[in-house]
């Protein structure tokens, strides 16, 4: 038995076929390795199967509710940080106690950290998220005083121990 460390791709994809070949004095042919876990994924690339964000009102200079739905293809552990970034141009000031709403407050908590310059919301999970289920929360921002020509690029990531484990766009 042996193990090694490798870095997975950022984008989610299907489980690859993995084979092994043993060399030396008695070379052998390539042998397909058996996938032992229940999901049949020996090298699961973590990702979001669903990540949506939509707004209640695109009008300028108005309170806008942003609704987020997440569905990960991996379990996300307690204390994982969920980061949404790219919501630039809002009038919402920096806030370390930014209010979060929704039916999963036991998981997302009631507060996150908002940074206006990055258009970034960071939430620390209070309980694990199970893979394959939809989780919803929402928050309110003050839209810009003037319209934005192009829609912003919004990114979401899950991060534990300063390593992004799940990302999406």
N, C-alpha and C. Protein backbone atom coordinates (compact mmCIF):
# COMPACT_ATOMS: atom_id res chain seq x y z
N UNK A 1 0.84 -1.18 0.00
CA UNK A 1 0.00 0.00 0.00
C UNK A 1 0.88 1.24 0.00
N UNK A 2 0.52 2.25 -0.80
CA UNK A 2 1.25 3.51 -0.79
C UNK A 2 0.28 4.62 -1.13
N UNK A 3 0.67 5.83 -0.85
CA UNK A 3 -0.18 6.98 -1.17
C UNK A 3 0.69 8.10 -1.72
N UNK A 4 0.05 9.05 -2.38
CA UNK A 4 0.74 10.22 -2.90
C UNK A 4 -0.23 11.38 -2.95
N UNK A 5 0.28 12.56 -3.05
CA UNK A 5 -0.53 13.76 -3.09
C UNK A 5 -0.54 14.30 -4.51
N UNK A 6 -1.70 14.79 -4.93
CA UNK A 6 -1.83 15.40 -6.24
C UNK A 6 -2.82 16.55 -6.14
N UNK A 7 -2.76 17.47 -7.08
CA UNK A 7 -3.68 18.59 -7.11
C UNK A 7 -4.69 18.38 -8.22
N UNK A 8 -5.97 18.39 -7.85
CA UNK A 8 -7.04 18.21 -8.82
C UNK A 8 -7.27 19.48 -9.62
N UNK A 9 -7.91 19.33 -10.77
CA UNK A 9 -8.33 20.47 -11.57
C UNK A 9 -9.38 21.25 -10.80
N UNK A 10 -9.60 22.50 -11.18
CA UNK A 10 -10.62 23.32 -10.53
C UNK A 10 -12.01 22.93 -10.99
N UNK A 11 -12.18 22.67 -12.29
CA UNK A 11 -13.50 22.36 -12.83
C UNK A 11 -13.90 20.93 -12.48
N UNK A 12 -15.17 20.75 -12.17
CA UNK A 12 -15.69 19.41 -11.89
C UNK A 12 -15.73 18.61 -13.18
N UNK A 13 -15.44 17.31 -13.07
CA UNK A 13 -15.58 16.43 -14.22
C UNK A 13 -15.82 15.02 -13.75
N UNK A 14 -16.01 14.10 -14.67
CA UNK A 14 -16.31 12.72 -14.33
C UNK A 14 -15.08 12.02 -13.77
N UNK A 15 -15.33 10.94 -13.06
CA UNK A 15 -14.26 10.14 -12.51
C UNK A 15 -13.46 9.50 -13.63
N UNK A 16 -12.14 9.67 -13.64
CA UNK A 16 -11.34 9.09 -14.72
C UNK A 16 -11.15 7.59 -14.52
N UNK A 17 -10.79 6.90 -15.60
CA UNK A 17 -10.38 5.50 -15.47
C UNK A 17 -8.93 5.51 -15.02
N UNK A 18 -8.63 4.75 -13.99
CA UNK A 18 -7.28 4.71 -13.43
C UNK A 18 -6.74 3.30 -13.58
N UNK A 19 -5.53 3.20 -14.06
CA UNK A 19 -4.92 1.88 -14.22
C UNK A 19 -3.55 1.88 -13.58
N UNK A 20 -3.01 0.70 -13.38
CA UNK A 20 -1.69 0.55 -12.76
C UNK A 20 -0.88 -0.46 -13.57
N UNK A 21 0.40 -0.24 -13.63
CA UNK A 21 1.31 -1.18 -14.28
C UNK A 21 2.51 -1.34 -13.37
N UNK A 22 2.85 -2.56 -13.09
CA UNK A 22 3.98 -2.86 -12.22
C UNK A 22 5.14 -3.31 -13.08
N UNK A 23 6.30 -2.69 -12.91
CA UNK A 23 7.46 -3.03 -13.73
C UNK A 23 8.47 -3.83 -12.93
N UNK A 24 9.70 -3.78 -13.36
CA UNK A 24 10.77 -4.51 -12.68
C UNK A 24 11.14 -5.76 -13.44
N UNK A 25 11.60 -6.77 -12.72
CA UNK A 25 12.02 -8.02 -13.34
C UNK A 25 10.88 -8.79 -13.98
N UNK A 26 9.66 -8.56 -13.49
CA UNK A 26 8.52 -9.28 -14.01
C UNK A 26 7.47 -8.28 -14.48
N UNK A 27 7.66 -7.65 -15.65
CA UNK A 27 6.71 -6.65 -16.12
C UNK A 27 5.33 -7.25 -16.35
N UNK A 28 4.32 -6.42 -16.14
CA UNK A 28 2.95 -6.88 -16.33
C UNK A 28 2.21 -5.90 -17.23
N UNK A 29 1.06 -6.32 -17.70
CA UNK A 29 0.23 -5.47 -18.55
C UNK A 29 -0.51 -4.45 -17.68
N UNK A 30 -0.99 -3.38 -18.31
CA UNK A 30 -1.79 -2.39 -17.59
C UNK A 30 -3.02 -3.06 -17.01
N UNK A 31 -3.34 -2.78 -15.77
CA UNK A 31 -4.53 -3.34 -15.11
C UNK A 31 -5.42 -2.18 -14.66
N UNK A 32 -6.70 -2.24 -15.02
CA UNK A 32 -7.64 -1.23 -14.59
C UNK A 32 -7.87 -1.38 -13.09
N UNK A 33 -7.77 -0.28 -12.36
CA UNK A 33 -7.95 -0.33 -10.91
C UNK A 33 -9.43 -0.26 -10.57
N UNK A 34 -9.82 -0.98 -9.53
CA UNK A 34 -11.21 -0.98 -9.10
C UNK A 34 -11.48 0.26 -8.26
N UNK A 35 -12.63 0.88 -8.50
CA UNK A 35 -13.04 2.05 -7.72
C UNK A 35 -13.84 1.55 -6.52
N UNK A 36 -13.34 1.77 -5.33
CA UNK A 36 -13.90 1.13 -4.14
C UNK A 36 -14.97 1.92 -3.42
N UNK A 37 -15.05 3.21 -3.60
CA UNK A 37 -16.03 3.98 -2.83
C UNK A 37 -17.43 3.83 -3.42
N UNK A 38 -18.45 4.22 -2.65
CA UNK A 38 -19.84 4.05 -3.06
C UNK A 38 -20.17 4.83 -4.32
N UNK A 39 -19.56 6.01 -4.48
CA UNK A 39 -19.87 6.83 -5.64
C UNK A 39 -19.06 6.42 -6.86
N UNK A 40 -18.14 5.50 -6.68
CA UNK A 40 -17.29 5.01 -7.76
C UNK A 40 -16.39 6.12 -8.31
N UNK A 41 -15.93 7.01 -7.44
CA UNK A 41 -15.07 8.12 -7.83
C UNK A 41 -13.76 8.05 -7.06
N UNK A 42 -12.70 7.49 -7.61
CA UNK A 42 -11.45 7.48 -6.86
C UNK A 42 -10.79 8.85 -6.82
N UNK A 43 -11.02 9.67 -7.84
CA UNK A 43 -10.39 10.99 -7.92
C UNK A 43 -11.46 12.04 -8.21
N UNK A 44 -12.39 12.18 -7.29
CA UNK A 44 -13.49 13.12 -7.48
C UNK A 44 -12.96 14.54 -7.54
N UNK A 45 -13.31 15.27 -8.59
CA UNK A 45 -12.96 16.68 -8.71
C UNK A 45 -14.11 17.46 -8.11
N UNK A 46 -13.85 18.18 -7.03
CA UNK A 46 -14.90 18.89 -6.31
C UNK A 46 -15.42 20.05 -7.16
N UNK A 47 -16.71 20.27 -7.07
CA UNK A 47 -17.32 21.38 -7.79
C UNK A 47 -18.74 21.59 -7.35
N UNK A 48 -19.37 22.62 -7.87
CA UNK A 48 -20.78 22.87 -7.62
C UNK A 48 -21.59 22.34 -8.78
N UNK A 49 -22.56 21.47 -8.48
CA UNK A 49 -23.47 21.01 -9.51
C UNK A 49 -24.51 22.09 -9.81
N UNK A 50 -24.80 22.92 -8.83
CA UNK A 50 -25.70 24.05 -9.03
C UNK A 50 -25.16 25.23 -8.24
N UNK A 51 -25.14 26.39 -8.89
CA UNK A 51 -24.75 27.64 -8.23
C UNK A 51 -25.48 28.74 -8.96
N UNK A 52 -26.51 29.25 -8.34
CA UNK A 52 -27.29 30.31 -8.98
C UNK A 52 -27.39 31.50 -8.04
N UNK A 53 -27.49 32.65 -8.63
CA UNK A 53 -27.74 33.87 -7.88
C UNK A 53 -28.68 34.72 -8.72
N UNK A 54 -29.77 35.18 -8.11
CA UNK A 54 -30.68 36.07 -8.83
C UNK A 54 -31.14 37.17 -7.88
N UNK A 55 -31.60 38.26 -8.47
CA UNK A 55 -31.92 39.45 -7.70
C UNK A 55 -33.41 39.74 -7.71
N UNK A 56 -33.84 40.49 -6.70
CA UNK A 56 -35.24 40.87 -6.61
C UNK A 56 -35.55 42.12 -7.44
N UNK A 57 -34.57 43.03 -7.57
CA UNK A 57 -34.84 44.30 -8.26
C UNK A 57 -33.55 44.88 -8.83
N UNK A 58 -33.43 45.01 -10.15
CA UNK A 58 -32.21 45.55 -10.75
C UNK A 58 -32.17 47.08 -10.79
N UNK A 59 -33.20 47.74 -10.27
CA UNK A 59 -33.27 49.21 -10.33
C UNK A 59 -32.10 49.84 -9.57
N UNK A 60 -31.72 51.04 -10.00
CA UNK A 60 -30.64 51.76 -9.33
C UNK A 60 -31.11 52.35 -8.01
N UNK A 61 -30.14 52.48 -7.09
CA UNK A 61 -30.33 53.16 -5.81
C UNK A 61 -31.51 52.58 -5.01
N UNK A 62 -31.60 51.26 -4.95
CA UNK A 62 -32.68 50.58 -4.24
C UNK A 62 -32.12 49.35 -3.53
N UNK A 63 -32.76 48.95 -2.43
CA UNK A 63 -32.36 47.73 -1.74
C UNK A 63 -32.74 46.53 -2.63
N UNK A 64 -31.77 45.67 -2.87
CA UNK A 64 -31.93 44.53 -3.75
C UNK A 64 -31.63 43.27 -2.95
N UNK A 65 -32.52 42.30 -3.00
CA UNK A 65 -32.29 41.01 -2.33
C UNK A 65 -31.68 40.05 -3.34
N UNK A 66 -30.54 39.47 -2.98
CA UNK A 66 -29.87 38.49 -3.84
C UNK A 66 -30.08 37.09 -3.25
N UNK A 67 -30.65 36.20 -4.05
CA UNK A 67 -30.96 34.84 -3.64
C UNK A 67 -29.90 33.90 -4.21
N UNK A 68 -29.31 33.08 -3.36
CA UNK A 68 -28.24 32.16 -3.76
C UNK A 68 -28.70 30.73 -3.52
N UNK A 69 -28.49 29.86 -4.52
CA UNK A 69 -28.75 28.43 -4.37
C UNK A 69 -27.45 27.69 -4.70
N UNK A 70 -27.05 26.80 -3.80
CA UNK A 70 -25.82 26.02 -3.96
C UNK A 70 -26.14 24.54 -3.86
N UNK A 71 -25.44 23.74 -4.66
CA UNK A 71 -25.51 22.30 -4.59
C UNK A 71 -24.12 21.79 -4.95
N UNK A 72 -23.42 21.24 -3.98
CA UNK A 72 -22.04 20.78 -4.17
C UNK A 72 -22.02 19.29 -4.48
N UNK A 73 -21.02 18.86 -5.24
CA UNK A 73 -20.88 17.43 -5.50
C UNK A 73 -20.00 16.74 -4.45
N UNK A 74 -19.64 17.48 -3.41
CA UNK A 74 -18.90 16.92 -2.27
C UNK A 74 -19.51 17.46 -0.99
N UNK A 75 -19.31 16.76 0.12
CA UNK A 75 -19.71 17.30 1.41
C UNK A 75 -18.79 18.45 1.76
N UNK A 76 -19.35 19.54 2.26
CA UNK A 76 -18.54 20.67 2.73
C UNK A 76 -18.58 20.66 4.25
N UNK A 77 -17.43 20.70 4.87
CA UNK A 77 -17.30 20.54 6.31
C UNK A 77 -17.66 21.80 7.07
N UNK A 78 -17.99 21.62 8.33
CA UNK A 78 -18.18 22.72 9.27
C UNK A 78 -16.94 23.61 9.22
N UNK A 79 -17.10 24.91 9.31
CA UNK A 79 -16.04 25.93 9.28
C UNK A 79 -15.49 26.20 7.88
N UNK A 80 -16.05 25.58 6.85
CA UNK A 80 -15.68 25.93 5.48
C UNK A 80 -16.17 27.34 5.20
N UNK A 81 -15.38 28.11 4.46
CA UNK A 81 -15.78 29.46 4.08
C UNK A 81 -16.38 29.43 2.69
N UNK A 82 -17.58 29.97 2.54
CA UNK A 82 -18.22 30.14 1.25
C UNK A 82 -18.01 31.60 0.87
N UNK A 83 -17.44 31.85 -0.30
CA UNK A 83 -17.16 33.22 -0.75
C UNK A 83 -17.86 33.49 -2.07
N UNK A 84 -18.60 34.57 -2.10
CA UNK A 84 -19.20 35.08 -3.33
C UNK A 84 -18.50 36.39 -3.61
N UNK A 85 -17.93 36.53 -4.81
CA UNK A 85 -17.22 37.76 -5.12
C UNK A 85 -17.54 38.22 -6.54
N UNK A 86 -17.37 39.51 -6.74
CA UNK A 86 -17.63 40.09 -8.05
C UNK A 86 -18.86 40.98 -8.08
N UNK A 87 -19.53 41.14 -6.95
CA UNK A 87 -20.73 41.98 -6.87
C UNK A 87 -20.31 43.43 -6.65
N UNK A 88 -19.49 43.93 -7.54
CA UNK A 88 -18.91 45.27 -7.41
C UNK A 88 -19.89 46.36 -7.81
N UNK A 89 -19.66 47.54 -7.28
CA UNK A 89 -20.46 48.70 -7.64
C UNK A 89 -21.60 49.01 -6.69
N UNK A 90 -21.81 48.18 -5.68
CA UNK A 90 -22.91 48.43 -4.76
C UNK A 90 -22.58 49.60 -3.84
N UNK A 91 -23.60 50.13 -3.21
CA UNK A 91 -23.41 51.18 -2.21
C UNK A 91 -23.30 50.60 -0.80
N UNK A 92 -23.36 49.30 -0.66
CA UNK A 92 -23.32 48.65 0.65
C UNK A 92 -21.91 48.74 1.22
N UNK A 93 -21.79 49.37 2.37
CA UNK A 93 -20.49 49.57 3.02
C UNK A 93 -19.95 48.28 3.61
N UNK A 94 -18.63 48.26 3.84
CA UNK A 94 -18.00 47.12 4.52
C UNK A 94 -18.74 46.82 5.82
N UNK A 95 -18.87 45.52 6.12
CA UNK A 95 -19.61 45.14 7.31
C UNK A 95 -19.16 43.75 7.74
N UNK A 96 -18.60 43.64 8.95
CA UNK A 96 -18.17 42.34 9.48
C UNK A 96 -19.32 41.54 10.08
N UNK A 97 -20.49 42.15 10.21
CA UNK A 97 -21.69 41.48 10.73
C UNK A 97 -22.83 41.66 9.73
N UNK A 98 -22.56 41.25 8.50
CA UNK A 98 -23.50 41.41 7.40
C UNK A 98 -24.60 40.36 7.51
N UNK A 99 -25.85 40.76 7.50
CA UNK A 99 -26.99 39.88 7.77
C UNK A 99 -27.27 38.92 6.61
N UNK A 100 -27.44 37.64 6.96
CA UNK A 100 -27.78 36.55 6.04
C UNK A 100 -29.15 36.01 6.44
N UNK A 101 -29.98 35.66 5.46
CA UNK A 101 -31.32 35.16 5.74
C UNK A 101 -31.53 33.81 5.05
N UNK A 102 -32.55 33.08 5.50
CA UNK A 102 -32.93 31.86 4.81
C UNK A 102 -33.25 30.71 5.74
N UNK A 103 -33.72 29.61 5.16
CA UNK A 103 -34.13 28.45 5.95
C UNK A 103 -32.97 27.63 6.51
N UNK A 104 -31.75 27.91 6.08
CA UNK A 104 -30.60 27.11 6.52
C UNK A 104 -29.66 27.91 7.41
N UNK A 105 -30.23 28.77 8.29
CA UNK A 105 -29.38 29.59 9.15
C UNK A 105 -28.57 28.73 10.12
N UNK A 106 -29.04 27.53 10.44
CA UNK A 106 -28.25 26.64 11.29
C UNK A 106 -26.96 26.19 10.57
N UNK A 107 -26.94 26.32 9.25
CA UNK A 107 -25.76 25.98 8.47
C UNK A 107 -24.95 27.22 8.10
N UNK A 108 -25.62 28.24 7.55
CA UNK A 108 -24.92 29.44 7.08
C UNK A 108 -24.72 30.48 8.17
N UNK A 109 -25.42 30.34 9.28
CA UNK A 109 -25.35 31.34 10.33
C UNK A 109 -26.21 32.55 9.95
N UNK A 110 -26.18 33.56 10.79
CA UNK A 110 -26.98 34.76 10.56
C UNK A 110 -26.18 35.91 9.99
N UNK A 111 -24.85 35.77 10.01
CA UNK A 111 -24.00 36.88 9.60
C UNK A 111 -22.82 36.40 8.76
N UNK A 112 -22.41 37.24 7.84
CA UNK A 112 -21.21 37.02 7.05
C UNK A 112 -20.37 38.28 7.09
N UNK A 113 -19.33 38.32 6.27
CA UNK A 113 -18.47 39.50 6.18
C UNK A 113 -18.56 40.06 4.76
N UNK A 114 -18.94 41.33 4.64
CA UNK A 114 -19.09 41.99 3.34
C UNK A 114 -17.96 42.97 3.14
N UNK A 115 -17.33 42.93 1.95
CA UNK A 115 -16.29 43.89 1.59
C UNK A 115 -16.73 44.56 0.29
N UNK A 116 -17.03 45.85 0.38
CA UNK A 116 -17.60 46.60 -0.73
C UNK A 116 -16.67 46.66 -1.95
N UNK A 117 -15.39 46.94 -1.75
CA UNK A 117 -14.48 47.13 -2.89
C UNK A 117 -14.37 45.89 -3.78
N UNK A 118 -14.48 44.71 -3.19
CA UNK A 118 -14.41 43.46 -3.96
C UNK A 118 -15.79 42.92 -4.32
N UNK A 119 -16.84 43.54 -3.76
CA UNK A 119 -18.17 42.98 -3.94
C UNK A 119 -18.19 41.56 -3.42
N UNK A 120 -17.64 41.38 -2.22
CA UNK A 120 -17.38 40.03 -1.70
C UNK A 120 -18.13 39.77 -0.40
N UNK A 121 -18.81 38.63 -0.36
CA UNK A 121 -19.47 38.14 0.84
C UNK A 121 -18.80 36.84 1.24
N UNK A 122 -18.36 36.75 2.51
CA UNK A 122 -17.74 35.53 3.03
C UNK A 122 -18.59 35.03 4.20
N UNK A 123 -18.99 33.76 4.11
CA UNK A 123 -19.80 33.12 5.14
C UNK A 123 -19.06 31.89 5.64
N UNK A 124 -18.99 31.70 6.95
CA UNK A 124 -18.37 30.51 7.52
C UNK A 124 -19.47 29.52 7.90
N UNK A 125 -19.41 28.30 7.35
CA UNK A 125 -20.42 27.30 7.64
C UNK A 125 -20.42 26.93 9.12
N UNK A 126 -21.61 26.89 9.70
CA UNK A 126 -21.77 26.52 11.10
C UNK A 126 -22.05 25.02 11.25
N UNK A 127 -22.36 24.37 10.15
CA UNK A 127 -22.64 22.93 10.12
C UNK A 127 -22.30 22.45 8.71
N UNK A 128 -22.08 21.14 8.55
CA UNK A 128 -21.71 20.62 7.23
C UNK A 128 -22.85 20.75 6.20
N UNK A 129 -22.45 20.78 4.93
CA UNK A 129 -23.38 20.73 3.80
C UNK A 129 -23.20 19.36 3.15
N UNK A 130 -24.31 18.67 2.95
CA UNK A 130 -24.26 17.36 2.29
C UNK A 130 -24.29 17.54 0.78
N UNK A 131 -23.54 16.70 0.07
CA UNK A 131 -23.51 16.79 -1.38
C UNK A 131 -24.87 16.41 -1.96
N UNK A 132 -25.17 16.98 -3.12
CA UNK A 132 -26.37 16.60 -3.85
C UNK A 132 -27.66 17.27 -3.41
N UNK A 133 -27.61 18.16 -2.42
CA UNK A 133 -28.81 18.84 -1.95
C UNK A 133 -28.71 20.34 -2.25
N UNK A 134 -29.85 20.96 -2.52
CA UNK A 134 -29.90 22.41 -2.74
C UNK A 134 -29.96 23.13 -1.39
N UNK A 135 -29.11 24.14 -1.24
CA UNK A 135 -29.09 24.99 -0.05
C UNK A 135 -29.29 26.43 -0.52
N UNK A 136 -30.19 27.15 0.16
CA UNK A 136 -30.57 28.49 -0.26
C UNK A 136 -30.34 29.47 0.88
N UNK A 137 -29.85 30.66 0.53
CA UNK A 137 -29.81 31.78 1.47
C UNK A 137 -29.93 33.06 0.67
N UNK A 138 -30.16 34.17 1.34
CA UNK A 138 -30.25 35.45 0.65
C UNK A 138 -29.71 36.56 1.53
N UNK A 139 -29.40 37.67 0.89
CA UNK A 139 -28.87 38.84 1.57
C UNK A 139 -29.28 40.08 0.79
N UNK A 140 -29.17 41.25 1.43
CA UNK A 140 -29.64 42.49 0.83
C UNK A 140 -28.48 43.46 0.64
N UNK A 141 -28.44 44.08 -0.54
CA UNK A 141 -27.43 45.10 -0.83
C UNK A 141 -28.15 46.33 -1.39
N UNK A 142 -27.46 47.46 -1.36
CA UNK A 142 -27.98 48.69 -1.94
C UNK A 142 -27.37 48.83 -3.32
N UNK A 143 -28.20 48.79 -4.33
CA UNK A 143 -27.74 48.87 -5.72
C UNK A 143 -27.02 50.20 -5.99
N UNK A 144 -26.19 50.23 -7.04
CA UNK A 144 -25.48 51.47 -7.39
C UNK A 144 -26.45 52.61 -7.71
N UNK A 145 -25.94 53.85 -7.58
CA UNK A 145 -26.76 55.02 -7.91
C UNK A 145 -26.98 55.14 -9.41
N UNK A 146 -26.02 54.63 -10.18
CA UNK A 146 -26.12 54.65 -11.64
C UNK A 146 -26.10 53.22 -12.16
N UNK A 147 -26.70 53.03 -13.32
CA UNK A 147 -26.73 51.70 -13.92
C UNK A 147 -25.35 51.23 -14.33
N UNK A 148 -25.17 49.92 -14.34
CA UNK A 148 -23.92 49.30 -14.78
C UNK A 148 -24.16 48.76 -16.18
N UNK A 149 -23.25 49.06 -17.09
CA UNK A 149 -23.42 48.65 -18.49
C UNK A 149 -23.37 47.13 -18.63
N UNK A 150 -22.33 46.51 -18.10
CA UNK A 150 -22.16 45.07 -18.20
C UNK A 150 -22.46 44.40 -16.87
N UNK A 151 -23.11 43.25 -16.93
CA UNK A 151 -23.34 42.48 -15.71
C UNK A 151 -22.00 42.04 -15.15
N UNK A 152 -21.83 42.05 -13.83
CA UNK A 152 -20.55 41.65 -13.25
C UNK A 152 -20.32 40.14 -13.37
N UNK A 153 -19.05 39.75 -13.41
CA UNK A 153 -18.69 38.34 -13.32
C UNK A 153 -18.70 37.97 -11.85
N UNK A 154 -19.57 37.05 -11.47
CA UNK A 154 -19.72 36.65 -10.08
C UNK A 154 -19.14 35.25 -9.92
N UNK A 155 -18.29 35.08 -8.92
CA UNK A 155 -17.64 33.80 -8.64
C UNK A 155 -18.04 33.33 -7.26
N UNK A 156 -18.04 32.03 -7.07
CA UNK A 156 -18.29 31.47 -5.76
C UNK A 156 -17.26 30.38 -5.50
N UNK A 157 -16.82 30.28 -4.25
CA UNK A 157 -15.86 29.25 -3.90
C UNK A 157 -16.12 28.76 -2.48
N UNK A 158 -15.64 27.56 -2.21
CA UNK A 158 -15.64 27.00 -0.86
C UNK A 158 -14.19 26.80 -0.47
N UNK A 159 -13.84 27.18 0.72
CA UNK A 159 -12.44 27.24 1.13
C UNK A 159 -12.31 26.73 2.55
N UNK A 160 -11.41 25.78 2.76
CA UNK A 160 -11.09 25.33 4.11
C UNK A 160 -9.58 25.26 4.21
N UNK A 161 -9.04 25.72 5.30
CA UNK A 161 -7.58 25.75 5.51
C UNK A 161 -6.85 26.53 4.44
N UNK A 162 -7.43 27.64 3.98
CA UNK A 162 -6.80 28.53 3.00
C UNK A 162 -6.57 27.89 1.64
N UNK A 163 -7.26 26.79 1.36
CA UNK A 163 -7.14 26.12 0.06
C UNK A 163 -8.52 26.05 -0.56
N UNK A 164 -8.69 26.64 -1.74
CA UNK A 164 -9.99 26.57 -2.39
C UNK A 164 -10.26 25.14 -2.83
N UNK A 165 -11.33 24.58 -2.30
CA UNK A 165 -11.63 23.19 -2.62
C UNK A 165 -12.73 23.06 -3.65
N UNK A 166 -13.60 24.05 -3.74
CA UNK A 166 -14.70 24.01 -4.69
C UNK A 166 -14.85 25.42 -5.26
N UNK A 167 -14.95 25.54 -6.57
CA UNK A 167 -15.11 26.85 -7.19
C UNK A 167 -16.17 26.78 -8.27
N UNK A 168 -16.67 27.93 -8.64
CA UNK A 168 -17.64 28.01 -9.73
C UNK A 168 -17.78 29.43 -10.21
N UNK A 169 -18.39 29.60 -11.35
CA UNK A 169 -18.56 30.92 -11.96
C UNK A 169 -19.98 31.07 -12.46
